[in-house]
Protein backbone atom coordinates (compact mmCIF):
# COMPACT_ATOMS: atom_id res chain seq x y z
CA MET A 1 153.60 106.73 114.53
CA THR A 2 150.25 107.39 116.20
CA PHE A 3 148.30 106.99 112.96
CA ALA A 4 150.06 103.70 112.29
CA LEU A 5 148.96 102.38 115.68
CA VAL A 6 145.38 103.45 114.97
CA LEU A 7 145.51 101.60 111.64
CA LEU A 8 146.93 98.52 113.35
CA LEU A 9 144.15 98.57 115.95
CA LEU A 10 141.59 99.01 113.18
CA GLY A 11 143.07 96.02 111.36
CA GLY A 12 142.80 93.91 114.50
CA PHE A 13 139.23 95.01 115.08
CA LEU A 14 138.28 94.13 111.49
CA LEU A 15 140.05 90.78 111.79
CA GLY A 16 138.06 90.01 114.92
CA GLY A 17 134.86 90.98 113.11
CA ALA A 18 135.70 88.70 110.20
CA TRP A 19 136.34 85.82 112.61
CA SER A 20 133.09 86.51 114.44
CA VAL A 21 131.05 86.55 111.24
CA TRP A 22 132.78 83.40 109.98
CA LYS A 23 132.07 81.49 113.20
CA ALA A 24 128.41 82.60 113.41
CA ASP A 25 126.87 79.82 111.35
CA SER A 26 123.64 78.04 112.08
CA ASP A 27 123.73 74.30 112.56
CA ALA A 28 121.04 73.58 109.98
CA ALA A 29 121.93 75.91 107.10
CA GLY A 30 125.67 76.42 107.47
CA ARG A 31 127.23 79.60 106.15
CA THR A 32 125.17 81.66 103.75
CA GLY A 33 126.53 83.44 100.69
CA PRO A 34 126.19 86.96 102.12
CA GLN A 35 127.84 85.80 105.36
CA VAL A 36 130.86 84.47 103.47
CA PHE A 37 131.03 87.65 101.36
CA PHE A 38 130.93 89.88 104.46
CA ALA A 39 133.57 87.83 106.27
CA VAL A 40 135.90 87.90 103.27
CA SER A 41 135.32 91.65 102.83
CA LEU A 42 136.23 92.26 106.47
CA LEU A 43 139.30 90.07 106.11
CA VAL A 44 140.50 92.00 103.06
CA ALA A 45 139.93 95.31 104.86
CA ALA A 46 141.87 94.02 107.88
CA VAL A 47 144.81 92.96 105.73
CA ILE A 48 144.87 96.33 103.94
CA ALA A 49 144.71 98.30 107.20
CA SER A 50 147.43 96.16 108.81
CA ALA A 51 149.69 96.42 105.76
CA ALA A 52 149.20 100.20 105.67
CA ALA A 53 150.09 100.40 109.36
CA ILE A 54 153.25 98.37 108.87
CA LEU A 55 154.26 100.50 105.90
CA ARG A 56 153.66 103.70 107.91
CA MET A 57 155.92 102.37 110.67
CA VAL A 58 158.77 101.62 108.29
């Protein structure tokens, strides 16, 4: 169960990173393409890590 908790913490960390990247937009330009891509990539990684953690717990 220890590895599952590590995966769950990693998922939360990645989710926080995705939120941080998504909220870091400049007032003049808005969100850039690479910023959106990086935020979505982090979100996908967070979902995969969290799902893996839940499946390891079951």
